[in-house]
Amino acid sequence: MWVSQTTSCALHDVALKERHEQWMVRYGRVYKDDVEKMTRYKIFNDNVEYIESFNNVGTHTYTLRINEFADMTKEEFKASRTRYKRSSNLKSSKLASFKYENVTVVPTTMDWRLKGAVTPIKDQGQ
């Protein structure tokens, strides 16, 4: 029994490592060295286990899947999506005045779609 379990675990590890390699190719992920690769593989493994256990419960109205963020911890993902980034073109802490601050005649409504100002939602990345 012990040999069977060991073999099963080894096959699972090989399959998961292959899955990680395929994932790296799909999302163009390259790591700087083997240490970073093993760290990211562990995170990937933890996320895959979470995704599979979540989906196996079957009490949710949605399912999870592996995506381009699968090698990131929750904290890393959150930081990559919520960090405030100051505009690089602000040379000083003093902000420019508002261009239209003295405008008094404005339309009561404006359809920005007709002006071409509204675009579909898109992933703005980092």
N, C-alpha and C. Protein backbone atom coordinates (compact mmCIF):
# COMPACT_ATOMS: atom_id res chain seq x y z
N MET A 1 0.83 -1.20 0.00
CA MET A 1 0.00 0.00 0.00
C MET A 1 0.87 1.25 0.00
N TRP A 2 1.93 1.27 0.79
CA TRP A 2 2.77 2.45 0.89
C TRP A 2 3.46 2.74 -0.45
N VAL A 3 3.92 1.71 -1.13
CA VAL A 3 4.57 1.88 -2.42
C VAL A 3 3.59 2.45 -3.43
N SER A 4 2.37 1.97 -3.40
CA SER A 4 1.34 2.46 -4.31
C SER A 4 1.06 3.94 -4.08
N GLN A 5 0.97 4.35 -2.83
CA GLN A 5 0.72 5.75 -2.52
C GLN A 5 1.90 6.62 -2.94
N THR A 6 3.11 6.13 -2.71
CA THR A 6 4.31 6.87 -3.08
C THR A 6 4.36 7.06 -4.59
N THR A 7 4.07 6.00 -5.33
CA THR A 7 4.07 6.07 -6.78
C THR A 7 2.99 7.04 -7.27
N SER A 8 1.82 6.98 -6.66
CA SER A 8 0.73 7.87 -7.03
C SER A 8 1.10 9.32 -6.79
N CYS A 9 1.73 9.62 -5.65
CA CYS A 9 2.15 10.99 -5.33
C CYS A 9 3.22 11.45 -6.31
N ALA A 10 4.16 10.57 -6.65
CA ALA A 10 5.23 10.92 -7.60
C ALA A 10 4.64 11.24 -8.97
N LEU A 11 3.68 10.44 -9.43
CA LEU A 11 3.04 10.70 -10.72
C LEU A 11 2.27 12.01 -10.70
N HIS A 12 1.61 12.30 -9.58
CA HIS A 12 0.88 13.56 -9.44
C HIS A 12 1.85 14.73 -9.52
N ASP A 13 3.00 14.62 -8.84
CA ASP A 13 4.00 15.69 -8.87
C ASP A 13 4.53 15.92 -10.28
N VAL A 14 4.80 14.83 -11.00
CA VAL A 14 5.29 14.94 -12.38
C VAL A 14 4.23 15.61 -13.25
N ALA A 15 2.97 15.19 -13.10
CA ALA A 15 1.88 15.76 -13.89
C ALA A 15 1.71 17.25 -13.57
N LEU A 16 1.81 17.61 -12.31
CA LEU A 16 1.65 19.01 -11.93
C LEU A 16 2.82 19.84 -12.43
N LYS A 17 4.02 19.29 -12.38
CA LYS A 17 5.18 20.03 -12.90
C LYS A 17 5.04 20.24 -14.40
N GLU A 18 4.54 19.24 -15.11
CA GLU A 18 4.30 19.38 -16.55
C GLU A 18 3.22 20.43 -16.79
N ARG A 19 2.20 20.42 -15.98
CA ARG A 19 1.12 21.41 -16.10
C ARG A 19 1.67 22.82 -15.88
N HIS A 20 2.56 22.96 -14.90
CA HIS A 20 3.19 24.25 -14.63
C HIS A 20 4.05 24.68 -15.82
N GLU A 21 4.79 23.77 -16.40
CA GLU A 21 5.62 24.09 -17.57
C GLU A 21 4.74 24.56 -18.74
N GLN A 22 3.63 23.87 -18.96
CA GLN A 22 2.71 24.26 -20.03
C GLN A 22 2.10 25.64 -19.74
N TRP A 23 1.77 25.87 -18.47
CA TRP A 23 1.23 27.15 -18.06
C TRP A 23 2.25 28.26 -18.32
N MET A 24 3.53 28.01 -17.99
CA MET A 24 4.59 28.99 -18.22
C MET A 24 4.69 29.36 -19.70
N VAL A 25 4.60 28.35 -20.56
CA VAL A 25 4.67 28.59 -22.00
C VAL A 25 3.47 29.42 -22.45
N ARG A 26 2.28 29.02 -22.00
CA ARG A 26 1.06 29.72 -22.41
C ARG A 26 1.08 31.20 -22.05
N TYR A 27 1.56 31.50 -20.84
CA TYR A 27 1.53 32.89 -20.38
C TYR A 27 2.89 33.58 -20.48
N GLY A 28 3.86 32.94 -21.15
CA GLY A 28 5.16 33.56 -21.38
C GLY A 28 5.94 33.85 -20.12
N ARG A 29 5.77 33.02 -19.12
CA ARG A 29 6.43 33.25 -17.84
C ARG A 29 7.85 32.67 -17.86
N VAL A 30 8.82 33.49 -17.50
CA VAL A 30 10.21 33.07 -17.38
C VAL A 30 10.71 33.57 -16.04
N TYR A 31 11.38 32.69 -15.30
CA TYR A 31 11.89 33.06 -13.98
C TYR A 31 13.39 33.29 -14.05
N LYS A 32 13.89 34.12 -13.13
CA LYS A 32 15.30 34.50 -13.19
C LYS A 32 16.25 33.37 -12.83
N ASP A 33 15.80 32.43 -11.99
CA ASP A 33 16.66 31.30 -11.62
C ASP A 33 15.81 30.15 -11.10
N ASP A 34 16.47 29.03 -10.77
CA ASP A 34 15.75 27.84 -10.29
C ASP A 34 15.09 28.06 -8.94
N VAL A 35 15.66 28.91 -8.12
CA VAL A 35 15.07 29.19 -6.79
C VAL A 35 13.71 29.88 -6.98
N GLU A 36 13.68 30.90 -7.84
CA GLU A 36 12.41 31.59 -8.08
C GLU A 36 11.41 30.64 -8.74
N LYS A 37 11.89 29.82 -9.66
CA LYS A 37 10.99 28.87 -10.33
C LYS A 37 10.37 27.91 -9.34
N MET A 38 11.15 27.39 -8.41
CA MET A 38 10.60 26.46 -7.40
C MET A 38 9.63 27.18 -6.47
N THR A 39 9.93 28.42 -6.12
CA THR A 39 9.02 29.21 -5.27
C THR A 39 7.70 29.42 -5.99
N ARG A 40 7.76 29.82 -7.26
CA ARG A 40 6.55 30.05 -8.05
C ARG A 40 5.79 28.76 -8.31
N TYR A 41 6.52 27.65 -8.48
CA TYR A 41 5.87 26.35 -8.66
C TYR A 41 5.07 25.98 -7.41
N LYS A 42 5.64 26.23 -6.23
CA LYS A 42 4.94 25.92 -4.98
C LYS A 42 3.66 26.74 -4.87
N ILE A 43 3.75 28.02 -5.20
CA ILE A 43 2.56 28.89 -5.17
C ILE A 43 1.54 28.40 -6.19
N PHE A 44 2.00 28.08 -7.39
CA PHE A 44 1.14 27.54 -8.44
C PHE A 44 0.43 26.28 -7.93
N ASN A 45 1.20 25.37 -7.32
CA ASN A 45 0.66 24.12 -6.78
C ASN A 45 -0.42 24.41 -5.72
N ASP A 46 -0.13 25.32 -4.80
CA ASP A 46 -1.11 25.67 -3.76
C ASP A 46 -2.38 26.24 -4.39
N ASN A 47 -2.23 27.08 -5.40
CA ASN A 47 -3.40 27.67 -6.06
C ASN A 47 -4.20 26.63 -6.82
N VAL A 48 -3.52 25.71 -7.49
CA VAL A 48 -4.22 24.63 -8.20
C VAL A 48 -5.00 23.77 -7.22
N GLU A 49 -4.39 23.42 -6.10
CA GLU A 49 -5.09 22.63 -5.08
C GLU A 49 -6.32 23.37 -4.57
N TYR A 50 -6.19 24.67 -4.33
CA TYR A 50 -7.33 25.46 -3.88
C TYR A 50 -8.44 25.47 -4.93
N ILE A 51 -8.07 25.71 -6.18
CA ILE A 51 -9.04 25.76 -7.28
C ILE A 51 -9.78 24.44 -7.40
N GLU A 52 -9.03 23.33 -7.38
CA GLU A 52 -9.66 22.01 -7.52
C GLU A 52 -10.56 21.68 -6.33
N SER A 53 -10.12 22.01 -5.13
CA SER A 53 -10.97 21.72 -3.96
C SER A 53 -12.22 22.60 -3.96
N PHE A 54 -12.09 23.85 -4.36
CA PHE A 54 -13.23 24.76 -4.45
C PHE A 54 -14.24 24.24 -5.47
N ASN A 55 -13.75 23.85 -6.64
CA ASN A 55 -14.64 23.38 -7.71
C ASN A 55 -15.28 22.04 -7.36
N ASN A 56 -14.61 21.21 -6.57
CA ASN A 56 -15.14 19.89 -6.22
C ASN A 56 -16.26 19.96 -5.19
N VAL A 57 -16.37 21.06 -4.46
CA VAL A 57 -17.43 21.20 -3.46
C VAL A 57 -18.79 21.24 -4.15
N GLY A 58 -18.88 21.95 -5.25
CA GLY A 58 -20.10 21.96 -6.05
C GLY A 58 -21.27 22.75 -5.50
N THR A 59 -21.06 23.53 -4.46
CA THR A 59 -22.16 24.32 -3.89
C THR A 59 -22.15 25.77 -4.36
N HIS A 60 -21.23 26.11 -5.27
CA HIS A 60 -21.10 27.49 -5.74
C HIS A 60 -21.82 27.67 -7.08
N THR A 61 -22.12 28.90 -7.38
CA THR A 61 -22.77 29.20 -8.66
C THR A 61 -21.74 29.49 -9.76
N TYR A 62 -20.48 29.34 -9.44
CA TYR A 62 -19.40 29.59 -10.40
C TYR A 62 -18.25 28.63 -10.12
N THR A 63 -17.33 28.53 -11.05
CA THR A 63 -16.15 27.70 -10.86
C THR A 63 -14.91 28.56 -11.07
N LEU A 64 -13.82 28.09 -10.51
CA LEU A 64 -12.54 28.77 -10.66
C LEU A 64 -11.71 28.04 -11.72
N ARG A 65 -10.75 28.74 -12.31
CA ARG A 65 -9.84 28.10 -13.24
C ARG A 65 -8.47 28.77 -13.15
N ILE A 66 -7.50 28.09 -13.68
CA ILE A 66 -6.14 28.61 -13.69
C ILE A 66 -6.06 29.73 -14.74
N ASN A 67 -5.43 30.83 -14.36
CA ASN A 67 -5.24 31.93 -15.30
C ASN A 67 -3.81 32.46 -15.19
N GLU A 68 -3.55 33.62 -15.76
CA GLU A 68 -2.20 34.15 -15.79
C GLU A 68 -1.65 34.56 -14.42
N PHE A 69 -2.50 34.56 -13.40
CA PHE A 69 -2.08 34.95 -12.06
C PHE A 69 -1.82 33.75 -11.15
N ALA A 70 -1.81 32.55 -11.69
CA ALA A 70 -1.75 31.32 -10.88
C ALA A 70 -0.46 31.14 -10.11
N ASP A 71 0.59 31.88 -10.44
CA ASP A 71 1.84 31.75 -9.68
C ASP A 71 2.04 32.90 -8.70
N MET A 72 0.96 33.62 -8.41
CA MET A 72 1.02 34.73 -7.46
C MET A 72 0.25 34.39 -6.20
N THR A 73 0.75 34.86 -5.06
CA THR A 73 0.00 34.72 -3.82
C THR A 73 -1.15 35.73 -3.84
N LYS A 74 -2.10 35.57 -2.94
CA LYS A 74 -3.20 36.53 -2.85
C LYS A 74 -2.67 37.94 -2.60
N GLU A 75 -1.67 38.02 -1.72
CA GLU A 75 -1.11 39.32 -1.37
C GLU A 75 -0.43 39.98 -2.59
N GLU A 76 0.31 39.17 -3.36
CA GLU A 76 0.97 39.71 -4.55
C GLU A 76 -0.05 40.17 -5.58
N PHE A 77 -1.09 39.37 -5.77
CA PHE A 77 -2.13 39.75 -6.73
C PHE A 77 -2.80 41.05 -6.30
N LYS A 78 -3.16 41.11 -5.04
CA LYS A 78 -3.83 42.30 -4.52
C LYS A 78 -2.94 43.54 -4.68
N ALA A 79 -1.67 43.41 -4.35
CA ALA A 79 -0.74 44.54 -4.48
C ALA A 79 -0.57 44.95 -5.93
N SER A 80 -0.58 43.99 -6.85
CA SER A 80 -0.38 44.31 -8.26
C SER A 80 -1.59 45.01 -8.86
N ARG A 81 -2.74 44.87 -8.25
CA ARG A 81 -3.97 45.45 -8.80
C ARG A 81 -4.48 46.65 -8.04
N THR A 82 -3.98 46.92 -6.85
CA THR A 82 -4.55 48.01 -6.05
C THR A 82 -3.55 49.08 -5.66
N ARG A 83 -2.32 48.95 -6.06
CA ARG A 83 -1.32 49.95 -5.70
C ARG A 83 -1.59 51.27 -6.41
N TYR A 84 -1.49 52.32 -5.65
CA TYR A 84 -1.60 53.66 -6.25
C TYR A 84 -0.29 53.99 -6.93
N LYS A 85 -0.37 54.44 -8.17
CA LYS A 85 0.83 54.82 -8.90
C LYS A 85 0.73 56.28 -9.27
N ARG A 86 1.62 57.05 -8.75
CA ARG A 86 1.64 58.46 -9.05
C ARG A 86 2.11 58.68 -10.48
N SER A 87 1.46 59.57 -11.16
CA SER A 87 1.81 59.87 -12.54
C SER A 87 3.24 60.39 -12.60
N SER A 88 4.02 59.87 -13.54
CA SER A 88 5.42 60.28 -13.66
C SER A 88 5.57 61.67 -14.25
N ASN A 89 4.51 62.21 -14.84
CA ASN A 89 4.65 63.54 -15.44
C ASN A 89 4.35 64.67 -14.45
N LEU A 90 4.08 64.36 -13.21
CA LEU A 90 3.91 65.40 -12.18
C LEU A 90 5.29 65.74 -11.64
N LYS A 91 5.78 66.91 -11.96
CA LYS A 91 7.15 67.29 -11.60
C LYS A 91 7.24 67.80 -10.17
N SER A 92 6.15 68.30 -9.65
CA SER A 92 6.18 68.81 -8.28
C SER A 92 4.90 68.41 -7.58
N SER A 93 4.84 68.68 -6.30
CA SER A 93 3.63 68.33 -5.55
C SER A 93 2.50 69.30 -5.83
N LYS A 94 2.79 70.44 -6.45
CA LYS A 94 1.75 71.42 -6.78
C LYS A 94 1.04 70.97 -8.06
N LEU A 95 -0.26 70.80 -7.99
CA LEU A 95 -1.04 70.37 -9.15
C LEU A 95 -1.44 71.57 -10.00
N ALA A 96 -1.57 71.34 -11.29
CA ALA A 96 -2.02 72.39 -12.20
C ALA A 96 -3.48 72.72 -11.93
N SER A 97 -3.88 73.93 -12.27
CA SER A 97 -5.28 74.31 -12.06
C SER A 97 -6.15 73.55 -13.06
N PHE A 98 -7.41 73.45 -12.73
CA PHE A 98 -8.37 72.75 -13.58
C PHE A 98 -8.68 73.61 -14.79
N LYS A 99 -8.52 73.03 -15.98
CA LYS A 99 -8.65 73.76 -17.24
C LYS A 99 -10.00 74.44 -17.41
N TYR A 100 -11.06 73.84 -16.90
CA TYR A 100 -12.42 74.35 -17.12
C TYR A 100 -13.06 74.93 -15.86
N GLU A 101 -12.26 75.40 -14.92
CA GLU A 101 -12.82 75.85 -13.65
C GLU A 101 -13.72 77.08 -13.78
N ASN A 102 -13.56 77.88 -14.81
CA ASN A 102 -14.37 79.09 -14.97
C ASN A 102 -15.50 78.94 -15.99
N VAL A 103 -15.73 77.76 -16.49
CA VAL A 103 -16.79 77.53 -17.47
C VAL A 103 -18.13 77.58 -16.74
N THR A 104 -19.08 78.34 -17.31
CA THR A 104 -20.39 78.49 -16.66
C THR A 104 -21.53 77.94 -17.50
N VAL A 105 -21.36 77.89 -18.83
CA VAL A 105 -22.41 77.40 -19.71
C VAL A 105 -22.09 75.96 -20.08
N VAL A 106 -22.92 75.06 -19.58
CA VAL A 106 -22.71 73.63 -19.88
C VAL A 106 -24.05 73.00 -20.23
N PRO A 107 -24.06 71.99 -21.10
CA PRO A 107 -25.32 71.33 -21.42
C PRO A 107 -25.84 70.56 -20.22
N THR A 108 -27.16 70.38 -20.16
CA THR A 108 -27.75 69.64 -19.03
C THR A 108 -27.47 68.14 -19.14
N THR A 109 -27.31 67.65 -20.38
CA THR A 109 -26.97 66.24 -20.57
C THR A 109 -25.93 66.12 -21.67
N MET A 110 -25.22 65.01 -21.64
CA MET A 110 -24.20 64.77 -22.67
C MET A 110 -24.12 63.26 -22.91
N ASP A 111 -24.28 62.84 -24.16
CA ASP A 111 -24.15 61.42 -24.51
C ASP A 111 -22.72 61.20 -24.99
N TRP A 112 -21.86 60.74 -24.09
CA TRP A 112 -20.45 60.57 -24.40
C TRP A 112 -20.22 59.48 -25.44
N ARG A 113 -21.18 58.58 -25.62
CA ARG A 113 -21.06 57.55 -26.66
C ARG A 113 -21.01 58.20 -28.04
N LEU A 114 -21.82 59.23 -28.23
CA LEU A 114 -21.85 59.93 -29.52
C LEU A 114 -20.56 60.70 -29.78
N LYS A 115 -19.87 61.05 -28.74
CA LYS A 115 -18.61 61.79 -28.86
C LYS A 115 -17.41 60.84 -29.04
N GLY A 116 -17.67 59.51 -28.92
CA GLY A 116 -16.59 58.54 -29.06
C GLY A 116 -15.69 58.45 -27.83
N ALA A 117 -16.19 58.92 -26.70
CA ALA A 117 -15.37 58.94 -25.49
C ALA A 117 -15.49 57.67 -24.65
N VAL A 118 -16.48 56.85 -24.92
CA VAL A 118 -16.70 55.65 -24.12
C VAL A 118 -16.21 54.43 -24.91
N THR A 119 -15.39 53.63 -24.26
CA THR A 119 -14.87 52.42 -24.90
C THR A 119 -15.24 51.22 -24.06
N PRO A 120 -15.16 50.01 -24.62
CA PRO A 120 -15.46 48.82 -23.82
C PRO A 120 -14.47 48.67 -22.66
N ILE A 121 -14.87 47.95 -21.65
CA ILE A 121 -14.01 47.68 -20.50
C ILE A 121 -12.84 46.84 -20.97
N LYS A 122 -11.65 47.16 -20.47
CA LYS A 122 -10.47 46.36 -20.83
C LYS A 122 -9.57 46.19 -19.60
N ASP A 123 -8.79 45.13 -19.61
CA ASP A 123 -7.84 44.86 -18.53
C ASP A 123 -6.67 45.83 -18.69
N GLN A 124 -6.48 46.70 -17.72
CA GLN A 124 -5.42 47.68 -17.80
C GLN A 124 -4.11 47.16 -17.23
N GLY A 125 -4.12 45.89 -16.79
CA GLY A 125 -2.89 45.30 -16.28
C GLY A 125 -2.38 45.99 -15.05
N GLN A 126 -1.10 46.06 -14.95
CA GLN A 126 -0.49 46.67 -13.78
C GLN A 126 -0.42 48.16 -13.94
